[in-house]
Protein backbone atom coordinates (compact mmCIF):
# COMPACT_ATOMS: atom_id res chain seq x y z
CA MET A 1 -24.20 75.25 -8.37
CA ALA A 2 -26.28 74.24 -5.51
CA SER A 3 -27.78 71.39 -7.47
CA THR A 4 -24.17 70.27 -8.33
CA SER A 5 -23.04 70.17 -4.80
CA ALA A 6 -26.15 68.28 -3.78
CA LYS A 7 -25.22 65.67 -6.71
CA VAL A 8 -21.71 65.54 -5.37
CA SER A 9 -23.00 65.17 -1.91
CA ILE A 10 -25.36 62.41 -2.57
CA GLY A 11 -22.83 60.60 -4.63
CA SER A 12 -20.30 60.74 -1.93
CA LEU A 13 -22.81 59.53 0.40
CA PHE A 14 -23.62 56.56 -1.80
CA SER A 15 -19.94 55.65 -2.17
CA VAL A 16 -19.58 55.58 1.78
CA LEU A 17 -22.69 53.53 2.13
CA LEU A 18 -21.33 50.92 -0.54
CA VAL A 19 -17.87 50.75 1.29
CA LEU A 20 -19.79 50.14 4.56
CA ILE A 21 -21.97 47.61 3.03
CA ALA A 22 -18.87 45.67 1.54
CA PHE A 23 -17.13 46.09 4.84
CA TYR A 24 -20.01 44.39 6.82
CA PHE A 25 -20.30 41.61 4.42
CA ASN A 26 -16.66 40.99 4.38
CA GLN A 27 -16.47 41.01 8.07
CA ASN A 28 -19.47 38.79 8.43
CA GLY A 29 -18.22 36.34 5.79
CA HIS A 30 -14.79 36.27 7.36
CA SER A 31 -16.58 35.48 10.58
CA ASP A 32 -18.50 32.56 8.98
CA PHE A 33 -15.38 31.26 7.60
CA GLU A 34 -13.37 31.11 10.75
CA GLN A 35 -16.39 29.71 12.61
CA ARG A 36 -16.60 26.82 9.97
CA LEU A 37 -12.84 26.28 10.27
CA GLU A 38 -13.30 25.78 14.12
CA GLU A 39 -16.16 23.75 14.07
CA THR A 40 -14.56 21.46 11.42
CA LEU A 41 -11.32 21.26 13.65
CA ASN A 42 -13.46 20.53 16.64
CA GLY A 43 -15.49 17.97 14.84
CA LEU A 44 -12.48 16.18 13.45
CA LEU A 45 -10.85 16.03 17.06
CA ARG A 46 -13.98 14.43 18.39
CA ALA A 47 -13.95 11.93 15.83
CA GLU A 48 -10.31 11.08 16.51
CA LYS A 49 -10.85 10.73 20.20
CA LYS A 50 -13.59 8.31 19.73
CA VAL A 51 -10.99 5.56 19.31
CA SER A 52 -8.16 4.60 21.59
CA LEU A 53 -5.90 1.65 21.19
CA SER A 54 -6.97 -1.26 23.66
CA TYR A 55 -3.71 -3.04 22.83
CA LYS A 56 -0.46 -2.55 21.02
CA PRO A 57 -0.57 -3.54 17.57
CA LYS A 58 2.29 -5.24 15.92
CA VAL A 59 3.29 -3.71 12.54
CA ALA A 60 6.02 -5.07 10.25
CA VAL A 61 7.31 -2.25 7.55
CA GLY A 62 9.36 -2.85 4.61
CA PHE A 63 11.69 -1.88 2.63
CA GLY A 64 14.83 0.28 2.71
CA SER A 65 15.94 3.60 4.26
CA CYS A 66 17.94 6.73 3.33
CA GLN A 67 18.81 10.21 4.46
CA ASP A 68 16.43 12.86 3.31
CA LEU A 69 17.87 16.30 2.48
CA PHE A 70 15.07 18.85 2.75
CA VAL A 71 15.95 22.15 0.55
CA HIS A 72 13.89 24.74 -1.24
CA SER A 73 13.98 24.34 -4.92
CA LYS A 74 14.82 28.03 -5.27
CA ASP A 75 18.37 27.52 -3.72
CA VAL A 76 19.17 24.54 -6.19
CA LEU A 77 17.20 25.01 -9.45
CA LEU A 78 14.95 27.97 -9.70
CA PHE A 79 17.91 30.49 -10.12
CA ASN A 80 18.37 28.83 -13.61
CA PRO A 81 16.51 30.01 -16.65
CA PRO A 82 13.35 27.98 -17.04
CA PRO A 83 13.20 25.66 -20.09
CA LYS A 84 11.15 26.82 -22.90
CA ILE A 85 9.49 23.43 -23.03
CA PRO A 86 8.94 21.14 -19.92
CA GLU A 87 9.68 17.61 -20.87
CA HIS A 88 9.45 14.25 -19.19
CA PHE A 89 12.21 11.98 -18.69
CA HIS A 90 11.98 8.59 -16.75
CA SER A 91 15.72 8.97 -15.44
CA ILE A 92 18.00 11.96 -15.49
CA SER A 93 21.38 12.19 -17.28
CA THR A 94 22.14 15.97 -17.68
CA GLN A 95 21.16 19.33 -16.13
CA ASP A 96 19.26 20.20 -18.88
CA GLU A 97 17.08 17.13 -18.51
CA LEU A 98 16.87 17.80 -14.70
CA LEU A 99 15.64 21.46 -15.38
CA LYS A 100 13.10 20.17 -18.13
CA VAL A 101 11.64 17.24 -15.87
CA PHE A 102 11.40 19.39 -12.79
CA ALA A 103 9.39 22.04 -14.84
CA TYR A 104 7.05 19.32 -16.16
CA PHE A 105 5.94 18.51 -12.66
CA PHE A 106 6.51 21.99 -11.04
CA ARG A 107 3.79 23.57 -13.35
CA HIS A 108 1.16 21.10 -11.93
CA GLY A 109 2.10 21.07 -8.48
CA ALA A 110 2.65 17.41 -8.75
CA ALA A 111 4.96 15.28 -6.68
CA ALA A 112 7.47 13.02 -8.41
CA GLU A 113 10.77 11.11 -7.66
CA ARG A 114 13.39 10.43 -10.46
CA TYR A 115 16.69 8.53 -10.42
CA ILE A 116 19.71 10.54 -11.60
CA LYS A 117 21.99 7.98 -13.43
CA ASN A 118 24.62 10.56 -13.84
CA GLU A 119 26.57 10.18 -10.59
CA THR A 120 28.73 13.35 -11.07
CA LEU A 121 25.54 15.45 -11.69
CA PHE A 122 23.80 14.11 -8.56
CA LYS A 123 27.04 14.99 -6.58
CA GLU A 124 26.87 18.36 -7.93
CA VAL A 125 23.20 18.80 -6.94
CA LEU A 126 24.01 17.48 -3.57
CA GLU A 127 26.85 19.92 -2.89
CA LEU A 128 24.74 22.71 -4.07
CA ALA A 129 21.77 21.73 -1.77
CA SER A 130 24.02 21.13 1.29
CA ARG A 131 25.28 24.73 1.21
CA ALA A 132 21.76 26.17 1.18
CA ASN A 133 20.83 28.38 4.21
CA ASP A 134 17.58 26.73 5.08
CA VAL A 135 18.25 22.98 4.70
CA HIS A 136 17.55 20.28 7.08
CA TRP A 137 18.22 16.41 7.23
CA ALA A 138 16.01 13.66 8.55
CA ILE A 139 15.37 10.01 8.09
CA GLY A 140 13.86 9.16 4.83
CA GLY A 141 12.28 6.25 2.72
CA ASN A 142 8.71 5.13 2.83
CA ALA A 143 9.44 2.28 5.43
CA PRO A 144 11.16 4.31 8.08
CA VAL A 145 8.93 7.18 7.98
CA MET A 146 5.74 4.87 8.33
CA ALA A 147 7.62 2.96 11.06
CA ALA A 148 8.25 5.99 13.19
CA ARG A 149 4.60 7.18 12.73
CA PHE A 150 3.37 3.65 13.84
CA ALA A 151 5.54 3.71 16.82
CA LYS A 152 4.43 7.07 17.82
CA GLU A 153 0.72 6.12 17.62
CA GLY A 154 1.47 3.24 20.06
CA CYS A 155 2.40 0.23 18.06
CA ASP A 156 5.23 -2.35 18.28
CA VAL A 157 7.14 -1.90 15.15
CA LEU A 158 9.60 -4.18 12.98
CA LEU A 159 11.33 -2.12 10.17
CA GLY A 160 12.88 -3.98 7.20
CA ALA A 161 15.67 -1.30 6.49
CA GLN A 162 19.56 -1.16 6.07
CA MET A 163 21.09 1.93 7.58
CA THR A 164 24.00 3.31 9.47
CA LYS A 165 23.91 3.34 13.40
CA GLY A 166 23.93 7.15 13.14
CA LEU A 167 20.83 7.14 11.06
CA LYS A 168 19.06 4.81 13.48
CA GLN A 169 19.23 7.55 16.31
CA PHE A 170 16.40 9.24 14.29
CA LEU A 171 14.19 6.39 14.97
CA PRO A 172 12.06 5.71 18.25
CA ASP A 173 13.73 3.28 20.55
CA GLU A 174 10.74 0.96 20.13
CA VAL A 175 11.44 0.25 16.45
CA ILE A 176 13.19 -2.91 15.86
CA ILE A 177 15.56 -2.77 12.91
CA SER A 178 16.09 -5.87 10.82
CA GLY A 179 19.48 -4.43 9.27
CA PRO A 180 21.85 -4.73 7.92
CA PHE A 181 23.75 -1.83 9.44
CA THR A 182 26.03 -0.12 6.79
CA GLU A 183 29.01 2.38 6.60
CA GLU A 184 27.16 4.92 4.57
CA ASP A 185 23.50 6.05 4.00
CA ASP A 186 21.91 6.71 0.65
CA ILE A 187 20.99 10.43 -0.01
CA HIS A 188 17.69 11.56 -1.55
CA ILE A 189 17.20 15.24 -2.11
CA LEU A 190 13.74 16.73 -1.68
CA LEU A 191 13.42 19.98 -3.75
CA GLU A 192 10.33 21.61 -2.04
CA TYR A 193 8.44 24.47 -3.33
CA LEU A 194 5.36 26.54 -2.25
CA ALA A 195 1.98 27.12 -3.61
CA GLY A 196 1.74 30.10 -5.98
CA GLU A 197 5.67 30.05 -6.31
CA ARG A 198 6.48 31.10 -9.85
CA TRP A 199 9.40 30.14 -12.09
CA GLY A 200 9.34 32.24 -15.24
CA PRO A 201 6.02 31.18 -17.08
CA TYR A 202 5.41 28.44 -14.74
CA LEU A 203 3.36 28.75 -11.58
CA ALA A 204 3.09 25.82 -8.77
CA SER A 205 -0.68 25.39 -8.05
CA ARG A 206 0.11 23.78 -4.85
CA ALA A 207 3.03 23.27 -2.31
CA ASN A 208 5.02 19.91 -3.20
CA ARG A 209 8.30 18.47 -3.85
CA PHE A 210 10.52 16.67 -6.64
CA ILE A 211 12.75 14.12 -5.15
CA VAL A 212 15.94 13.11 -6.66
CA HIS A 213 18.54 10.27 -5.96
CA ASN A 214 21.37 8.16 -7.10
CA ASP A 215 20.50 5.49 -4.77
CA HIS A 216 21.80 1.79 -5.62
CA SER A 217 20.95 0.10 -2.35
CA ASN A 218 17.14 0.37 -1.94
CA PRO A 219 16.25 -0.66 -5.65
CA HIS A 220 17.87 -4.15 -4.74
CA LEU A 221 16.02 -4.37 -1.27
CA MET A 222 19.10 -5.04 0.60
CA SER A 223 17.22 -5.45 3.73
CA ILE A 224 14.88 -8.32 2.58
CA HIS A 225 16.86 -11.20 4.04
CA GLY A 226 17.18 -9.77 7.60
CA PHE A 227 13.60 -8.95 7.55
CA VAL A 228 12.31 -12.37 6.71
CA LYS A 229 14.41 -13.88 9.69
CA HIS A 230 12.86 -11.35 12.11
CA LEU A 231 9.31 -11.67 10.62
CA GLU A 232 9.32 -15.49 11.50
CA THR A 233 9.16 -14.53 15.20
CA PHE A 234 7.54 -11.15 15.21
CA ASN A 235 4.04 -12.28 14.16
CA PRO A 236 2.65 -9.07 12.99
CA ASN A 237 -0.89 -7.98 13.04
CA LEU A 238 -0.33 -5.93 9.89
CA LEU A 239 2.56 -6.07 7.17
CA VAL A 240 3.03 -2.85 5.30
CA VAL A 241 4.91 -3.16 1.85
CA GLY A 242 6.45 0.20 0.52
CA GLY A 243 9.51 1.53 -1.20
CA LEU A 244 9.20 -0.49 -4.42
CA GLN A 245 9.10 2.84 -6.53
CA MET A 246 12.87 2.76 -5.92
CA MET A 247 13.05 0.10 -8.67
CA ASP A 248 11.32 2.56 -11.12
CA ASN A 249 13.67 3.07 -14.10
CA PHE A 250 16.67 1.67 -12.25
CA PRO A 251 19.17 -0.07 -14.50
CA PHE A 252 18.69 -3.66 -13.35
CA GLN A 253 20.08 -6.67 -15.13
CA PRO A 254 17.32 -8.85 -16.96
CA GLN A 255 14.99 -10.47 -14.77
CA LEU A 256 16.62 -9.36 -11.55
CA ARG A 257 13.99 -6.87 -10.58
CA ARG A 258 11.09 -9.39 -11.08
CA GLU A 259 13.08 -12.00 -8.94
CA LYS A 260 13.23 -9.20 -6.21
CA LEU A 261 9.50 -8.66 -6.40
CA MET A 262 8.78 -12.42 -6.24
CA GLN A 263 10.68 -12.44 -3.01
CA VAL A 264 8.46 -9.91 -1.53
CA SER A 265 5.36 -11.79 -3.07
CA GLU A 266 6.63 -14.91 -1.24
CA ILE A 267 6.88 -13.10 2.04
CA CYS A 268 3.18 -11.97 1.72
CA SER A 269 2.03 -15.51 0.66
CA ARG A 270 3.58 -17.21 3.68
CA LEU A 271 1.70 -15.02 6.26
CA PRO A 272 -1.55 -16.23 8.01
CA GLN A 273 -4.81 -14.91 6.57
CA ASP A 274 -5.44 -12.82 9.93
CA THR A 275 -2.19 -10.83 9.37
CA LYS A 276 -3.31 -7.97 7.05
CA VAL A 277 -1.10 -6.62 4.07
CA HIS A 278 -1.22 -3.00 3.03
CA PHE A 279 0.63 -2.05 0.06
CA GLU A 280 1.66 1.74 -0.22
CA MET A 281 1.81 3.26 -3.61
CA ALA A 282 4.41 5.85 -4.92
CA SER A 283 5.27 7.76 -8.02
CA PHE A 284 5.69 4.87 -10.71
CA THR A 285 6.25 5.84 -14.42
CA GLU A 286 7.67 2.50 -15.90
CA GLU A 287 4.86 0.58 -17.18
CA ALA A 288 6.67 -2.79 -17.04
CA LEU A 289 7.36 -2.28 -13.52
CA LEU A 290 3.77 -1.29 -12.67
CA HIS A 291 2.59 -4.49 -14.52
CA ASP A 292 4.93 -6.56 -12.47
CA ILE A 293 3.65 -5.13 -9.24
CA VAL A 294 0.05 -5.77 -10.31
CA ASP A 295 0.89 -9.34 -11.17
CA LEU A 296 3.07 -10.22 -8.11
CA ILE A 297 2.25 -7.80 -5.17
CA ILE A 298 -1.27 -6.41 -5.41
CA PRO A 299 -2.99 -10.05 -5.30
CA PHE A 300 -1.55 -10.34 -1.65
CA ALA A 301 -2.65 -7.02 -0.62
CA ASP A 302 -5.91 -6.57 1.73
CA SER A 303 -5.52 -2.76 1.70
CA LEU A 304 -3.95 0.01 -0.73
CA GLY A 305 -2.81 3.61 0.01
CA MET A 306 -2.12 6.35 -2.54
CA ASN A 307 -2.45 10.05 -3.15
CA GLU A 308 -4.35 11.94 -5.84
CA GLN A 309 -1.63 11.58 -8.35
CA GLU A 310 -1.17 7.73 -8.01
CA LEU A 311 -4.72 6.77 -7.88
CA PRO A 312 -5.20 7.75 -11.57
CA ASN A 313 -1.86 6.19 -12.45
CA PHE A 314 -3.01 2.96 -10.88
CA TYR A 315 -6.49 3.15 -12.35
CA HIS A 316 -5.13 3.63 -15.92
CA ILE A 317 -2.56 0.59 -15.53
CA LEU A 318 -5.54 -1.72 -14.31
CA LYS A 319 -7.89 -0.43 -16.82
CA TYR A 320 -5.87 0.36 -19.95
CA GLY A 321 -2.52 -0.94 -19.34
CA ASN A 322 -0.68 2.28 -19.47
CA VAL A 323 0.49 5.04 -17.09
CA THR A 324 -0.64 8.45 -16.64
CA LEU A 325 2.13 10.96 -15.50
CA ILE A 326 0.21 14.06 -14.46
CA SER A 327 -3.43 14.44 -13.20
CA GLU A 328 -5.68 17.07 -11.49
CA ALA A 329 -3.79 18.48 -8.38
CA THR A 330 -7.10 19.07 -6.81
CA PRO A 331 -9.58 16.44 -8.17
CA ARG A 332 -13.37 16.47 -7.48
CA VAL A 333 -14.54 13.97 -4.78
CA ALA A 334 -16.89 12.36 -7.23
CA THR A 335 -13.77 11.77 -9.50
CA VAL A 336 -11.66 10.18 -6.89
CA LEU A 337 -14.61 7.99 -5.54
CA ASP A 338 -15.47 6.72 -8.95
CA GLN A 339 -11.83 5.57 -9.67
CA MET A 340 -11.73 4.03 -6.14
CA ARG A 341 -14.90 2.00 -7.10
CA ASP A 342 -13.29 0.91 -10.41
CA VAL A 343 -10.09 -0.22 -8.67
CA PHE A 344 -12.06 -2.03 -5.98
CA ASP A 345 -14.32 -3.81 -8.66
CA ILE A 346 -11.34 -4.81 -10.99
CA LEU A 347 -9.14 -6.12 -8.13
CA GLN A 348 -11.93 -8.15 -6.52
CA GLU A 349 -12.84 -9.74 -9.87
CA THR A 350 -8.92 -10.55 -10.12
CA TRP A 351 -9.21 -12.01 -6.56
CA LYS A 352 -12.01 -14.38 -7.74
CA ARG A 353 -9.63 -15.81 -10.47
CA SER A 354 -6.54 -15.93 -8.48
CA GLY A 355 -7.79 -16.94 -5.13
CA GLN A 356 -5.14 -14.96 -3.21
CA ARG A 357 -6.10 -11.82 -1.04
CA LYS A 358 -9.25 -9.90 -1.45
CA LEU A 359 -8.89 -6.25 -1.41
CA THR A 360 -11.03 -4.96 1.36
CA ARG A 361 -9.83 -1.51 1.98
CA LEU A 362 -8.63 1.51 -0.14
CA HIS A 363 -7.47 4.86 1.23
CA VAL A 364 -6.83 7.77 -1.04
CA HIS A 365 -5.28 10.87 0.52
CA THR A 366 -5.53 14.25 -1.28
CA LEU A 367 -4.76 17.90 -0.55
CA ALA A 368 -8.39 18.66 0.27
CA PHE A 369 -9.80 15.48 1.62
CA GLN A 370 -9.27 11.87 2.90
CA ALA A 371 -11.41 9.15 1.28
CA ILE A 372 -11.23 5.61 2.76
CA MET A 373 -13.44 2.78 1.26
CA THR A 374 -13.82 -0.48 3.13
CA GLU A 375 -15.78 -3.78 2.86
CA LYS A 376 -18.34 -3.93 5.66
CA ASP A 377 -18.04 -7.67 6.55
CA SER A 378 -14.05 -7.21 6.75
CA SER A 379 -11.95 -7.09 9.83
CA TRP A 380 -11.36 -3.22 9.20
CA LYS A 381 -12.94 -1.00 11.65
CA ASN A 382 -13.35 2.45 12.80
CA THR A 383 -13.35 4.02 9.37
CA MET A 384 -15.03 7.19 10.35
CA SER A 385 -12.36 7.97 12.96
CA ALA A 386 -9.48 6.77 10.82
CA ALA A 387 -10.62 9.12 8.06
CA ALA A 388 -10.70 12.13 10.73
CA LYS A 389 -7.09 11.08 12.11
CA ALA A 390 -5.74 11.02 8.67
CA ALA A 391 -7.12 14.50 7.73
CA LEU A 392 -5.57 15.77 11.22
CA THR A 393 -2.13 14.06 10.46
CA ALA A 394 -2.03 15.76 6.89
CA HIS A 395 -2.09 19.18 8.56
CA ARG A 396 -0.11 18.23 11.60
CA HIS A 397 2.71 17.02 9.35
CA THR A 398 2.84 19.79 6.70
CA CYS A 399 2.62 22.38 9.33
CA GLY A 400 5.10 20.76 11.77
CA SER A 401 2.99 20.98 14.72
CA HIS A 402 0.70 18.67 16.70
CA ARG A 403 -1.48 21.49 17.87
CA ILE A 404 -3.66 22.84 14.89
CA ASP A 405 -3.95 26.54 14.55
CA THR A 406 -6.94 27.52 12.35
CA ALA A 407 -5.06 30.82 11.44
CA LYS A 408 -2.84 28.73 9.51
CA ALA A 409 -5.50 26.56 7.75
CA LYS A 410 -8.08 26.65 5.02
CA LEU A 411 -10.67 24.36 3.62
CA ILE A 412 -10.85 23.67 -0.11
CA LEU A 413 -13.58 21.01 0.17
CA ASP A 414 -17.00 22.71 -0.33
CA ASP A 415 -20.06 22.41 2.08
CA ALA A 416 -21.41 19.55 -0.13
CA PHE A 417 -19.99 17.45 -2.87
CA THR A 418 -21.39 14.86 -5.37
CA SER A 419 -20.70 11.17 -4.60
CA SER A 420 -20.29 10.24 -8.23
CA LEU A 421 -20.30 11.44 -11.78
CA ARG A 422 -22.54 8.64 -12.67
CA ASN A 423 -26.41 8.48 -12.83
CA ASP A 424 -26.85 7.22 -9.20
CA ALA A 425 -25.03 10.04 -7.57
CA LYS A 426 -26.03 11.66 -4.18
CA ARG A 427 -25.44 15.16 -3.21
CA ILE A 428 -23.36 14.72 0.43
CA PRO A 429 -23.57 17.72 2.64
CA VAL A 430 -20.46 18.58 4.70
CA LYS A 431 -21.61 19.52 8.13
CA SER A 432 -18.93 21.39 10.27
CA SER A 433 -20.05 19.86 13.36
CA ARG A 434 -19.90 16.38 11.93
CA PRO A 435 -17.34 16.82 9.11
CA VAL A 436 -16.64 13.17 8.26
CA SER A 437 -19.32 11.98 5.82
CA CYS A 438 -19.90 8.29 5.80
CA TRP A 439 -22.46 6.22 3.81
CA ASP A 440 -22.99 2.54 2.69
CA GLU A 441 -22.98 1.48 -0.77
CA GLY A 442 -23.97 -2.22 -1.09
CA ASP A 443 -21.46 -4.18 1.01
CA ARG A 444 -18.93 -1.12 1.30
CA GLU A 445 -18.61 1.79 3.64
CA VAL A 446 -17.37 5.11 2.06
CA CYS A 447 -16.00 8.00 4.49
CA VAL A 448 -14.75 11.34 3.37
CA ALA A 449 -13.11 13.85 5.68
CA PRO A 450 -12.26 17.34 4.88
CA VAL A 451 -8.44 18.48 5.40
CA LEU A 452 -7.68 21.56 7.27
CA VAL A 453 -4.95 22.52 4.74
CA CYS A 454 -1.88 23.86 6.11
CA THR A 455 -1.14 27.48 4.67
CA GLU A 456 2.22 27.84 6.24
CA VAL A 457 3.70 24.74 5.06
CA LEU A 458 6.86 23.49 6.81
CA GLN A 459 7.56 20.19 4.80
CA THR A 460 5.62 18.18 2.18
CA GLY A 461 8.01 15.13 2.12
CA GLY A 462 6.93 12.07 4.04
CA GLY A 463 3.28 13.35 4.23
CA GLY A 464 1.67 10.51 2.48
CA ASP A 465 3.54 8.00 4.50
CA ASN A 466 2.39 9.75 7.79
CA ILE A 467 -1.16 9.97 6.70
CA SER A 468 -1.54 6.32 5.50
CA SER A 469 0.04 5.20 8.62
CA ALA A 470 -2.11 7.08 10.91
CA GLY A 471 -5.31 6.05 9.15
CA LEU A 472 -4.26 2.48 9.47
CA VAL A 473 -3.70 2.42 13.20
CA PHE A 474 -7.40 2.95 14.02
CA GLN A 475 -8.45 0.26 11.57
CA ILE A 476 -6.16 -2.88 12.43
């Protein structure tokens, strides 16, 4: 009996010891993680503060505007039984199609935007969304969101957009609006969801949104004529072109869409060479439209901005002539950088033949990191600080606060990454005290900055537009 008691006593003591050891390492590990977060934040803030605007850059941004209605998808769609088989549709005609295409992107945590051609269905979705408890309205569209960010960062801004005078009140007074002013604003519905949210068998791998609209104004670039008139006297340092995804799968008359794109192309071609042109990518699925953009818009762009879904799509259209609808939600740094290198190489070869503008800057914003690639002898500057500012803006926007609380943040990027999947790859350490990693590759500079990913997401819509604009401000 004594021997048995001794065994029990030793066993109990051993169990307690294991618990204490586990508690120690858990506490120590947790402390190390918190310390890494704080050091990374302080390092990014120092990098951001290295640059201050010595003048007010003049930025012209087109095209279009709308009212954005932000609503949680559970109040509009997720109470419906999930479809057995998710399916992709380029545009939406029925509720069944809406549920299937939403599930298609939801299960991958991928952002997407689709045109609902059935006006009655759109009104039904809008009415349901408007009645939700937690809903808010904001000014929407790539151009107005980017214009607001540029103004906030200290730029003089010309916005090429049509809108009501009521919607104009959502913009800073410093933004000049080319018009025309309208009686009614188009409405886009942003169906948001959180990371880890479940809908039947489908699990969202990250927080994101699915946007639907029945917009007939923005696809036609209604603001382009007024924008041209203002542009002649505004003399911008930078022209930003966005919002062209509104043309995606819209029922245009033959050749009309290409004529609209040619008008944008003509605007860019008339600019002096020292006025930089940035094109902001978006969710495109129609191959014909992407081919037209590659032919008519990209040759006039010095800079491109896109996210981790849009980069593979653009890469595929350039290299293989087709689109890819879904890609990795949290891709490896090496994968992203290799695709960026290929995009750079392909477009610079195109430039040698076309003689238009040479791509000298490419910014890819992902959930985990920001990557900016610039040509060293170009006029783009402050790449390291721009990457840091973009990373900080990603957190500030999604968490809805300028002040960053590390208790509401996490790091997805590891403490080192590989620069490429190819033979000449380097292992790049990520130092918390100096978190932005920069290096030279021939005549290009590459900078990668970790994002303090927001864990209490307030909004995802407009994130890319804010991030791209913030990164550009430091580099003009």
